[in-house]
Amino acid sequence: KNRLPGFLKYLKERKKAAFGKFDPTATDDDDADGGVKRRGVFVVPYNQPPIPSMYEKEKENMMYCKFIMDQRVISAFRPAPPQQQQQRKNNNNKIMKEDSL
């Protein structure tokens, strides 16, 4: 039905990326995780790199996609909130407690 070109055009016009989560296939490493279920993540960026010329015939049915097999890797790199914001919150709580006395 030729929906892929329309999907990529939609992403590019809006400068949006599509993403999804999936269950990776079972591997021997599953026992090493202590029984924790892993979830994979894939991302289809709106700024697609050019398709190599050797795939010219198939390029209408191809898209670039990034993926990672375990989303916990991504979660480990979330930045901590800046300390200034934390200090402001603590100071606001102290002021509120003093006012309530």
N, C-alpha and C. Protein backbone atom coordinates (compact mmCIF):
# COMPACT_ATOMS: atom_id res chain seq x y z
N LYS A 1 0.80 -1.21 0.00
CA LYS A 1 0.00 0.00 0.00
C LYS A 1 0.84 1.26 0.00
N ASN A 2 2.14 1.16 0.05
CA ASN A 2 3.04 2.30 -0.09
C ASN A 2 2.83 3.36 1.00
N ARG A 3 2.76 2.96 2.26
CA ARG A 3 2.53 3.88 3.36
C ARG A 3 3.83 4.45 3.93
N LEU A 4 4.94 3.78 3.73
CA LEU A 4 6.20 4.21 4.33
C LEU A 4 6.62 5.60 3.88
N PRO A 5 6.60 5.93 2.59
CA PRO A 5 6.98 7.30 2.19
C PRO A 5 6.11 8.37 2.84
N GLY A 6 4.82 8.10 2.96
CA GLY A 6 3.92 9.06 3.61
C GLY A 6 4.23 9.23 5.08
N PHE A 7 4.58 8.15 5.75
CA PHE A 7 4.94 8.19 7.16
C PHE A 7 6.19 9.03 7.36
N LEU A 8 7.21 8.80 6.54
CA LEU A 8 8.46 9.55 6.66
C LEU A 8 8.24 11.03 6.33
N LYS A 9 7.39 11.32 5.37
CA LYS A 9 7.07 12.71 5.02
C LYS A 9 6.37 13.39 6.21
N TYR A 10 5.46 12.68 6.84
CA TYR A 10 4.75 13.19 8.01
C TYR A 10 5.74 13.56 9.13
N LEU A 11 6.69 12.68 9.41
CA LEU A 11 7.69 12.94 10.45
C LEU A 11 8.55 14.15 10.09
N LYS A 12 8.98 14.21 8.85
CA LYS A 12 9.87 15.28 8.42
C LYS A 12 9.18 16.64 8.46
N GLU A 13 7.93 16.72 8.00
CA GLU A 13 7.20 17.98 8.00
C GLU A 13 7.01 18.53 9.41
N ARG A 14 6.82 17.66 10.36
CA ARG A 14 6.56 18.08 11.74
C ARG A 14 7.81 18.06 12.61
N LYS A 15 8.94 17.61 12.03
CA LYS A 15 10.20 17.47 12.77
C LYS A 15 9.99 16.67 14.05
N LYS A 16 9.39 15.51 13.89
CA LYS A 16 9.10 14.61 15.00
C LYS A 16 9.76 13.26 14.74
N ALA A 17 10.02 12.55 15.80
CA ALA A 17 10.55 11.18 15.70
C ALA A 17 9.47 10.23 16.21
N ALA A 18 9.44 9.05 15.66
CA ALA A 18 8.52 8.02 16.14
C ALA A 18 9.34 7.03 16.98
N PHE A 19 8.73 6.50 18.02
CA PHE A 19 9.43 5.51 18.83
C PHE A 19 8.45 4.48 19.34
N GLY A 20 8.98 3.39 19.79
CA GLY A 20 8.15 2.33 20.34
C GLY A 20 8.98 1.42 21.21
N LYS A 21 8.32 0.62 21.98
CA LYS A 21 8.98 -0.36 22.85
C LYS A 21 8.60 -1.75 22.39
N PHE A 22 9.49 -2.68 22.58
CA PHE A 22 9.22 -4.06 22.18
C PHE A 22 9.91 -5.01 23.13
N ASP A 23 9.43 -6.24 23.14
CA ASP A 23 10.06 -7.29 23.95
C ASP A 23 11.10 -7.99 23.10
N PRO A 24 12.38 -7.89 23.48
CA PRO A 24 13.40 -8.59 22.70
C PRO A 24 13.23 -10.11 22.83
N THR A 25 13.75 -10.82 21.88
CA THR A 25 13.65 -12.28 21.93
C THR A 25 14.44 -12.83 23.10
N ALA A 26 14.06 -13.96 23.59
CA ALA A 26 14.73 -14.59 24.73
C ALA A 26 16.14 -15.00 24.33
N THR A 27 17.07 -14.78 25.26
CA THR A 27 18.46 -15.17 25.04
C THR A 27 18.98 -15.89 26.26
N ASP A 28 20.18 -16.36 26.18
CA ASP A 28 20.81 -17.03 27.32
C ASP A 28 21.10 -16.05 28.45
N ASP A 29 21.15 -14.76 28.15
CA ASP A 29 21.46 -13.75 29.16
C ASP A 29 20.29 -13.46 30.08
N ASP A 30 19.11 -13.98 29.76
CA ASP A 30 17.93 -13.67 30.57
C ASP A 30 18.09 -14.07 32.03
N ASP A 31 18.76 -15.17 32.29
CA ASP A 31 18.97 -15.61 33.67
C ASP A 31 19.93 -14.68 34.41
N ALA A 32 20.85 -14.06 33.69
CA ALA A 32 21.83 -13.17 34.31
C ALA A 32 21.17 -11.90 34.84
N ASP A 33 20.00 -11.54 34.32
CA ASP A 33 19.30 -10.33 34.75
C ASP A 33 18.52 -10.56 36.04
N GLY A 34 18.54 -11.74 36.58
CA GLY A 34 17.80 -12.02 37.80
C GLY A 34 16.31 -12.08 37.57
N GLY A 35 15.90 -12.48 36.39
CA GLY A 35 14.48 -12.60 36.09
C GLY A 35 13.79 -11.29 35.72
N VAL A 36 14.56 -10.20 35.57
CA VAL A 36 13.97 -8.91 35.21
C VAL A 36 13.66 -8.91 33.72
N LYS A 37 12.45 -8.53 33.39
CA LYS A 37 12.04 -8.48 31.99
C LYS A 37 12.63 -7.25 31.32
N ARG A 38 13.32 -7.47 30.23
CA ARG A 38 13.91 -6.37 29.47
C ARG A 38 12.92 -5.85 28.44
N ARG A 39 13.02 -4.57 28.12
CA ARG A 39 12.20 -3.97 27.06
C ARG A 39 13.16 -3.25 26.12
N GLY A 40 12.97 -3.48 24.83
CA GLY A 40 13.76 -2.79 23.83
C GLY A 40 13.06 -1.51 23.40
N VAL A 41 13.83 -0.58 22.84
CA VAL A 41 13.29 0.69 22.36
C VAL A 41 13.81 0.94 20.95
N PHE A 42 12.93 1.39 20.04
CA PHE A 42 13.39 1.79 18.71
C PHE A 42 12.92 3.21 18.42
N VAL A 43 13.71 3.91 17.60
CA VAL A 43 13.41 5.29 17.24
C VAL A 43 13.58 5.45 15.74
N VAL A 44 12.60 6.08 15.10
CA VAL A 44 12.67 6.43 13.68
C VAL A 44 12.81 7.95 13.63
N PRO A 45 14.02 8.47 13.33
CA PRO A 45 14.21 9.92 13.31
C PRO A 45 13.58 10.56 12.07
N TYR A 46 13.21 11.84 12.19
CA TYR A 46 12.63 12.53 11.03
C TYR A 46 13.69 12.87 10.00
N ASN A 47 14.94 13.09 10.42
CA ASN A 47 16.02 13.42 9.50
C ASN A 47 16.73 12.14 9.06
N GLN A 48 16.13 11.47 8.11
CA GLN A 48 16.64 10.20 7.61
C GLN A 48 17.93 10.41 6.79
N PRO A 49 18.96 9.60 7.05
CA PRO A 49 20.16 9.70 6.21
C PRO A 49 19.86 9.16 4.81
N PRO A 50 20.67 9.55 3.83
CA PRO A 50 20.41 9.05 2.47
C PRO A 50 20.62 7.54 2.38
N ILE A 51 19.80 6.90 1.56
CA ILE A 51 19.91 5.45 1.33
C ILE A 51 21.07 5.23 0.35
N PRO A 52 21.97 4.30 0.65
CA PRO A 52 23.08 4.02 -0.28
C PRO A 52 22.56 3.65 -1.67
N SER A 53 23.31 4.01 -2.67
CA SER A 53 22.89 3.82 -4.06
C SER A 53 22.69 2.35 -4.42
N MET A 54 23.36 1.44 -3.73
CA MET A 54 23.18 0.02 -4.06
C MET A 54 21.77 -0.47 -3.72
N TYR A 55 21.02 0.30 -2.92
CA TYR A 55 19.65 -0.07 -2.56
C TYR A 55 18.62 0.80 -3.28
N GLU A 56 18.99 1.38 -4.40
CA GLU A 56 18.12 2.32 -5.12
C GLU A 56 16.74 1.74 -5.42
N LYS A 57 16.68 0.48 -5.82
CA LYS A 57 15.39 -0.13 -6.16
C LYS A 57 14.50 -0.32 -4.95
N GLU A 58 15.10 -0.59 -3.78
CA GLU A 58 14.32 -0.87 -2.58
C GLU A 58 14.09 0.35 -1.70
N LYS A 59 14.62 1.52 -2.06
CA LYS A 59 14.59 2.65 -1.14
C LYS A 59 13.18 3.11 -0.77
N GLU A 60 12.19 2.83 -1.60
CA GLU A 60 10.81 3.19 -1.26
C GLU A 60 10.29 2.36 -0.09
N ASN A 61 10.92 1.23 0.18
CA ASN A 61 10.47 0.33 1.24
C ASN A 61 11.46 0.25 2.38
N MET A 62 12.34 1.26 2.50
CA MET A 62 13.37 1.24 3.54
C MET A 62 13.32 2.53 4.35
N MET A 63 13.70 2.42 5.62
CA MET A 63 13.87 3.60 6.46
C MET A 63 14.97 3.31 7.48
N TYR A 64 15.54 4.35 8.00
CA TYR A 64 16.60 4.26 9.00
C TYR A 64 15.95 4.20 10.37
N CYS A 65 16.44 3.33 11.22
CA CYS A 65 15.88 3.14 12.55
C CYS A 65 17.01 2.86 13.52
N LYS A 66 16.97 3.49 14.69
CA LYS A 66 17.93 3.20 15.76
C LYS A 66 17.20 2.35 16.80
N PHE A 67 17.93 1.45 17.43
CA PHE A 67 17.29 0.65 18.47
C PHE A 67 18.28 0.25 19.54
N ILE A 68 17.76 -0.07 20.70
CA ILE A 68 18.55 -0.59 21.80
C ILE A 68 17.73 -1.72 22.42
N MET A 69 18.40 -2.80 22.76
CA MET A 69 17.69 -3.99 23.22
C MET A 69 17.26 -3.94 24.69
N ASP A 70 17.76 -2.96 25.46
CA ASP A 70 17.41 -2.90 26.88
C ASP A 70 17.25 -1.43 27.28
N GLN A 71 16.04 -0.99 27.58
CA GLN A 71 15.80 0.41 27.89
C GLN A 71 16.43 0.84 29.21
N ARG A 72 16.82 -0.11 30.06
CA ARG A 72 17.47 0.25 31.32
C ARG A 72 18.78 0.98 31.07
N VAL A 73 19.42 0.72 29.93
CA VAL A 73 20.66 1.41 29.60
C VAL A 73 20.39 2.90 29.41
N ILE A 74 19.28 3.23 28.78
CA ILE A 74 18.91 4.63 28.56
C ILE A 74 18.56 5.28 29.90
N SER A 75 17.81 4.59 30.73
CA SER A 75 17.37 5.14 32.01
C SER A 75 18.54 5.45 32.92
N ALA A 76 19.62 4.73 32.80
CA ALA A 76 20.79 4.94 33.65
C ALA A 76 21.47 6.26 33.35
N PHE A 77 21.23 6.86 32.20
CA PHE A 77 21.90 8.10 31.81
C PHE A 77 21.02 9.33 31.96
N ARG A 78 19.93 9.24 32.67
CA ARG A 78 19.10 10.42 32.89
C ARG A 78 19.86 11.39 33.79
N PRO A 79 19.92 12.65 33.40
CA PRO A 79 20.66 13.61 34.23
C PRO A 79 19.92 13.91 35.52
N ALA A 80 20.71 14.16 36.56
CA ALA A 80 20.12 14.54 37.84
C ALA A 80 19.66 15.98 37.75
N PRO A 81 18.61 16.36 38.49
CA PRO A 81 18.17 17.75 38.45
C PRO A 81 19.26 18.66 39.00
N PRO A 82 19.36 19.87 38.48
CA PRO A 82 20.39 20.80 38.97
C PRO A 82 20.21 21.07 40.46
N GLN A 83 21.32 21.25 41.17
CA GLN A 83 21.25 21.44 42.62
C GLN A 83 20.61 22.76 43.00
N GLN A 84 20.72 23.77 42.16
CA GLN A 84 20.11 25.05 42.48
C GLN A 84 18.60 24.90 42.66
N GLN A 85 17.97 24.12 41.79
CA GLN A 85 16.53 23.92 41.91
C GLN A 85 16.19 23.18 43.18
N GLN A 86 17.01 22.19 43.54
CA GLN A 86 16.76 21.44 44.77
C GLN A 86 16.90 22.35 45.98
N GLN A 87 17.90 23.24 45.98
CA GLN A 87 18.10 24.15 47.11
C GLN A 87 16.93 25.12 47.23
N ARG A 88 16.43 25.61 46.10
CA ARG A 88 15.28 26.52 46.12
C ARG A 88 14.06 25.83 46.72
N LYS A 89 13.84 24.58 46.34
CA LYS A 89 12.70 23.83 46.89
C LYS A 89 12.85 23.68 48.39
N ASN A 90 14.07 23.34 48.86
CA ASN A 90 14.30 23.18 50.29
C ASN A 90 14.10 24.51 51.02
N ASN A 91 14.59 25.61 50.44
CA ASN A 91 14.42 26.91 51.06
C ASN A 91 12.95 27.30 51.12
N ASN A 92 12.19 27.02 50.06
CA ASN A 92 10.75 27.32 50.06
C ASN A 92 10.04 26.53 51.14
N ASN A 93 10.42 25.28 51.33
CA ASN A 93 9.79 24.46 52.38
C ASN A 93 10.10 25.03 53.76
N LYS A 94 11.33 25.51 53.98
CA LYS A 94 11.69 26.09 55.27
C LYS A 94 10.88 27.35 55.53
N ILE A 95 10.72 28.19 54.51
CA ILE A 95 9.95 29.44 54.67
C ILE A 95 8.51 29.12 55.01
N MET A 96 7.94 28.14 54.34
CA MET A 96 6.56 27.77 54.60
C MET A 96 6.39 27.26 56.02
N LYS A 97 7.35 26.49 56.52
CA LYS A 97 7.25 25.95 57.88
C LYS A 97 7.34 27.08 58.90
N GLU A 98 8.23 28.07 58.65
CA GLU A 98 8.35 29.18 59.59
C GLU A 98 7.09 30.03 59.60
N ASP A 99 6.47 30.22 58.41
CA ASP A 99 5.25 31.02 58.34
C ASP A 99 4.07 30.34 59.05
N SER A 100 4.07 29.03 59.06
CA SER A 100 2.95 28.31 59.66
C SER A 100 3.03 28.31 61.17
N LEU A 101 4.15 28.74 61.76
CA LEU A 101 4.27 28.77 63.22
C LEU A 101 3.62 29.95 63.82
